[in-house]
Protein backbone atom coordinates (compact mmCIF):
# COMPACT_ATOMS: atom_id res chain seq x y z
CA UNK A 1 -23.98 -94.24 177.63
CA UNK A 2 -20.83 -95.76 178.65
CA UNK A 3 -20.72 -99.70 179.05
CA UNK A 4 -19.12 -100.89 182.03
CA UNK A 5 -16.54 -103.47 181.39
CA UNK A 6 -15.57 -106.18 184.33
CA UNK A 7 -11.85 -106.60 184.15
CA UNK A 8 -11.96 -109.91 186.26
CA UNK A 9 -14.55 -111.19 183.92
CA UNK A 10 -12.78 -110.61 180.83
CA UNK A 11 -9.11 -110.52 182.12
CA UNK A 12 -9.61 -113.16 184.78
CA UNK A 13 -7.53 -113.25 187.69
CA UNK A 14 -3.72 -114.21 188.47
CA UNK A 15 -2.06 -111.05 186.33
CA UNK A 16 -3.50 -108.03 188.69
CA UNK A 17 0.45 -107.08 190.01
CA UNK A 18 1.05 -106.82 185.86
CA UNK A 19 -1.94 -105.01 185.33
CA UNK A 20 -1.23 -102.55 187.73
CA UNK A 21 2.41 -102.38 187.38
CA UNK A 22 3.76 -98.70 185.70
CA UNK A 23 7.51 -99.68 185.52
CA UNK A 24 10.39 -100.02 182.81
CA UNK A 25 9.42 -103.59 182.42
CA UNK A 26 7.11 -106.30 182.84
CA UNK A 27 8.37 -109.33 181.58
CA UNK A 28 6.13 -112.79 181.86
CA UNK A 29 7.62 -116.24 180.79
CA UNK A 30 5.07 -118.73 180.71
CA UNK A 31 3.91 -122.24 178.80
CA UNK A 32 0.71 -122.21 176.26
CA UNK A 33 -2.22 -121.34 177.70
CA UNK A 34 -0.79 -119.16 180.80
CA UNK A 35 -2.54 -116.13 179.10
CA UNK A 36 0.45 -114.10 179.55
CA UNK A 37 -0.34 -113.00 175.65
CA UNK A 38 -4.29 -112.46 175.67
CA UNK A 39 -3.42 -110.46 178.90
CA UNK A 40 -0.70 -108.02 177.72
CA UNK A 41 -2.98 -107.25 174.39
CA UNK A 42 -5.89 -106.87 177.05
CA UNK A 43 -4.20 -104.21 178.85
CA UNK A 44 -3.11 -102.48 175.52
CA UNK A 45 -6.13 -102.30 174.62
CA UNK A 46 -7.29 -100.57 177.38
CA UNK A 47 -4.46 -98.54 178.91
CA UNK A 48 -4.59 -96.95 175.39
CA UNK A 49 -8.18 -96.19 176.06
CA UNK A 50 -7.50 -94.53 179.33
CA UNK A 51 -4.60 -92.64 177.83
CA UNK A 52 -5.16 -90.75 174.82
CA UNK A 53 -1.77 -89.73 173.95
CA UNK A 54 -0.33 -93.46 174.40
CA UNK A 55 0.96 -95.32 171.36
CA UNK A 56 2.36 -98.62 171.42
CA UNK A 57 4.87 -100.64 169.82
CA UNK A 58 4.54 -104.41 168.71
CA UNK A 59 7.64 -106.61 168.06
CA UNK A 60 8.38 -109.96 167.39
CA UNK A 61 11.53 -111.19 165.61
CA UNK A 62 9.90 -111.10 162.11
CA UNK A 63 7.71 -109.23 160.96
CA UNK A 64 5.54 -111.65 158.49
CA UNK A 65 4.55 -113.39 161.68
CA UNK A 66 2.59 -110.90 163.60
CA UNK A 67 -0.72 -111.00 161.43
CA UNK A 68 -1.81 -114.26 163.09
CA UNK A 69 -0.65 -113.74 166.28
CA UNK A 70 -0.14 -110.33 168.15
CA UNK A 71 -2.30 -108.04 165.25
CA UNK A 72 -5.12 -110.91 166.26
CA UNK A 73 -4.50 -110.96 169.69
CA UNK A 74 -5.08 -107.33 170.01
CA UNK A 75 -8.09 -107.62 167.60
CA UNK A 76 -9.28 -110.25 169.90
CA UNK A 77 -9.11 -108.11 173.00
CA UNK A 78 -11.02 -104.95 171.86
CA UNK A 79 -13.46 -107.31 170.55
CA UNK A 80 -13.31 -109.22 174.31
CA UNK A 81 -13.63 -105.45 176.20
CA UNK A 82 -16.87 -104.37 173.65
CA UNK A 83 -14.61 -101.86 172.08
CA UNK A 84 -14.25 -103.38 168.99
CA UNK A 85 -16.03 -100.72 167.41
CA UNK A 86 -13.95 -97.99 168.83
CA UNK A 87 -10.78 -99.87 166.81
CA UNK A 88 -9.80 -100.27 163.19
CA UNK A 89 -7.12 -102.86 162.45
CA UNK A 90 -5.84 -102.37 159.08
CA UNK A 91 -3.35 -105.19 157.33
CA UNK A 92 -1.85 -102.30 154.81
CA UNK A 93 -0.09 -101.35 156.83
CA UNK A 94 -0.12 -103.64 159.45
CA UNK A 95 -1.76 -101.62 162.29
CA UNK A 96 -4.36 -100.51 164.73
CA UNK A 97 -6.09 -97.02 165.30
CA UNK A 98 -8.22 -95.94 168.05
CA UNK A 99 -10.91 -93.97 166.10
CA UNK A 100 -12.00 -91.35 168.64
CA UNK A 101 -8.43 -90.57 169.34
CA UNK A 102 -5.94 -91.98 166.45
CA UNK A 103 -3.70 -93.26 168.46
CA UNK A 104 -2.14 -96.15 167.01
CA UNK A 105 -0.85 -99.92 167.33
CA UNK A 106 2.48 -100.44 165.33
CA UNK A 107 3.87 -103.53 164.71
CA UNK A 108 7.52 -104.23 163.12
CA UNK A 109 10.05 -106.84 163.48
CA UNK A 110 13.71 -107.09 163.98
CA UNK A 111 14.32 -108.31 160.01
CA UNK A 112 13.34 -104.71 159.23
CA UNK A 113 15.85 -102.39 161.91
CA UNK A 114 15.47 -99.34 160.39
CA UNK A 115 11.34 -99.28 160.39
CA UNK A 116 12.33 -99.60 164.22
CA UNK A 117 14.61 -96.92 164.36
CA UNK A 118 12.57 -94.33 162.25
CA UNK A 119 9.38 -94.85 163.92
CA UNK A 120 7.29 -91.37 164.09
CA UNK A 121 3.57 -91.02 165.58
CA UNK A 122 0.89 -88.46 164.26
CA UNK A 123 -0.75 -88.54 167.70
CA UNK A 124 0.61 -88.14 171.22
CA UNK A 125 3.87 -90.42 172.29
CA UNK A 126 5.41 -93.42 171.69
CA UNK A 127 5.19 -94.62 175.38
CA UNK A 128 4.74 -98.13 175.07
CA UNK A 129 6.05 -101.70 173.63
CA UNK A 130 5.18 -105.47 174.03
CA UNK A 131 8.23 -108.04 172.92
CA UNK A 132 6.41 -110.95 172.13
CA UNK A 133 8.24 -114.46 171.88
CA UNK A 134 11.25 -112.48 173.07
CA UNK A 135 13.16 -115.38 173.42
CA UNK A 136 13.49 -115.36 169.91
CA UNK A 137 15.71 -112.30 170.62
CA UNK A 138 18.89 -113.97 170.59
CA UNK A 139 21.50 -111.06 170.74
CA UNK A 140 21.05 -108.86 174.00
CA UNK A 141 22.40 -105.43 171.91
CA UNK A 142 19.46 -105.80 169.34
CA UNK A 143 16.94 -105.77 172.45
CA UNK A 144 19.13 -102.35 173.63
CA UNK A 145 18.45 -100.69 170.54
CA UNK A 146 14.95 -101.04 170.21
CA UNK A 147 14.38 -100.42 174.46
CA UNK A 148 16.50 -96.75 173.42
CA UNK A 149 13.49 -96.05 170.88
CA UNK A 150 10.76 -95.79 174.04
CA UNK A 151 12.56 -92.98 175.47
CA UNK A 152 10.86 -89.84 174.49
CA UNK A 153 9.72 -87.14 177.36
CA UNK A 154 6.25 -87.48 178.04
CA UNK A 155 3.58 -85.58 179.84
CA UNK A 156 2.87 -85.85 183.84
CA UNK A 157 1.00 -89.24 184.53
CA UNK A 158 2.38 -90.93 181.37
CA UNK A 159 5.07 -93.83 181.56
CA UNK A 160 7.49 -95.87 179.61
CA UNK A 161 7.01 -99.32 179.59
CA UNK A 162 8.15 -102.25 177.77
CA UNK A 163 6.38 -105.62 177.86
CA UNK A 164 8.07 -108.62 177.47
CA UNK A 165 6.72 -112.09 177.18
CA UNK A 166 8.08 -115.41 175.95
CA UNK A 167 7.84 -119.55 176.66
CA UNK A 168 10.62 -120.62 178.77
CA UNK A 169 14.06 -120.16 177.55
CA UNK A 170 17.43 -122.46 177.48
CA UNK A 171 19.21 -121.41 180.98
CA UNK A 172 21.53 -119.00 179.37
CA UNK A 173 20.07 -116.92 177.72
CA UNK A 174 20.11 -113.38 178.05
CA UNK A 175 16.69 -112.83 179.63
CA UNK A 176 17.16 -114.70 182.41
CA UNK A 177 20.53 -112.61 183.39
CA UNK A 178 19.00 -109.12 182.85
CA UNK A 179 15.51 -109.97 184.06
CA UNK A 180 15.47 -112.76 186.26
CA UNK A 181 18.40 -113.67 188.32
CA UNK A 182 18.66 -109.54 189.50
CA UNK A 183 16.57 -107.86 191.35
CA UNK A 184 15.38 -104.14 189.73
CA UNK A 185 12.56 -102.30 191.67
CA UNK A 186 11.62 -100.52 188.01
CA UNK A 187 11.14 -104.66 186.84
CA UNK A 188 8.48 -106.46 187.39
CA UNK A 189 8.72 -110.44 186.80
CA UNK A 190 6.62 -113.58 187.05
CA UNK A 191 6.56 -117.10 185.74
CA UNK A 192 2.82 -118.61 184.80
CA UNK A 193 1.39 -121.81 183.98
CA UNK A 194 -1.56 -122.85 182.15
CA UNK A 195 -3.06 -123.06 186.22
CA UNK A 196 -3.62 -119.74 186.69
CA UNK A 197 -5.70 -119.82 183.31
CA UNK A 198 -9.55 -120.24 184.52
CA UNK A 199 -10.97 -120.44 181.06
CA UNK A 200 -9.20 -123.46 179.49
């Protein structure tokens, strides 16, 4: 018998458009406590279980920051949704595996660009990427190279998406002019604060 999970109880309010958006880019900036990273993690776990051929790449500027941030956040998210027993979170290599299908969440850092270019998955397709603390990516060309890694042709019903989360930036950062200064129907942007976090 399957367990019914209330997403509103698990995720809370304020991120409905973010959760349901299927365009190319989901971009959220916000301060500490705004739920942006926890909601991204919850979304990845839930969506991978919904799409059995989807795999996810999680990126930070340096690889060794994942274990205490994104990897731990995704492990928390699986437990929060009541499905922790269906996931294996490995430290060597650093990855998360959805046990019923073999889908993977892979972790990489910009400090090893070759590890990103040569990514392959055993099951399904690399559909999604999550750039955490994306303001640390100072060179827009580095982002473009990573963006190109999510270009595979997908089966019907699947979609390619990059989720980009970060704290507020210097206004000269490329993230501002790329995503916030120009409207694009294939991009969802939002600015959040601690006020949308009812769990605080």
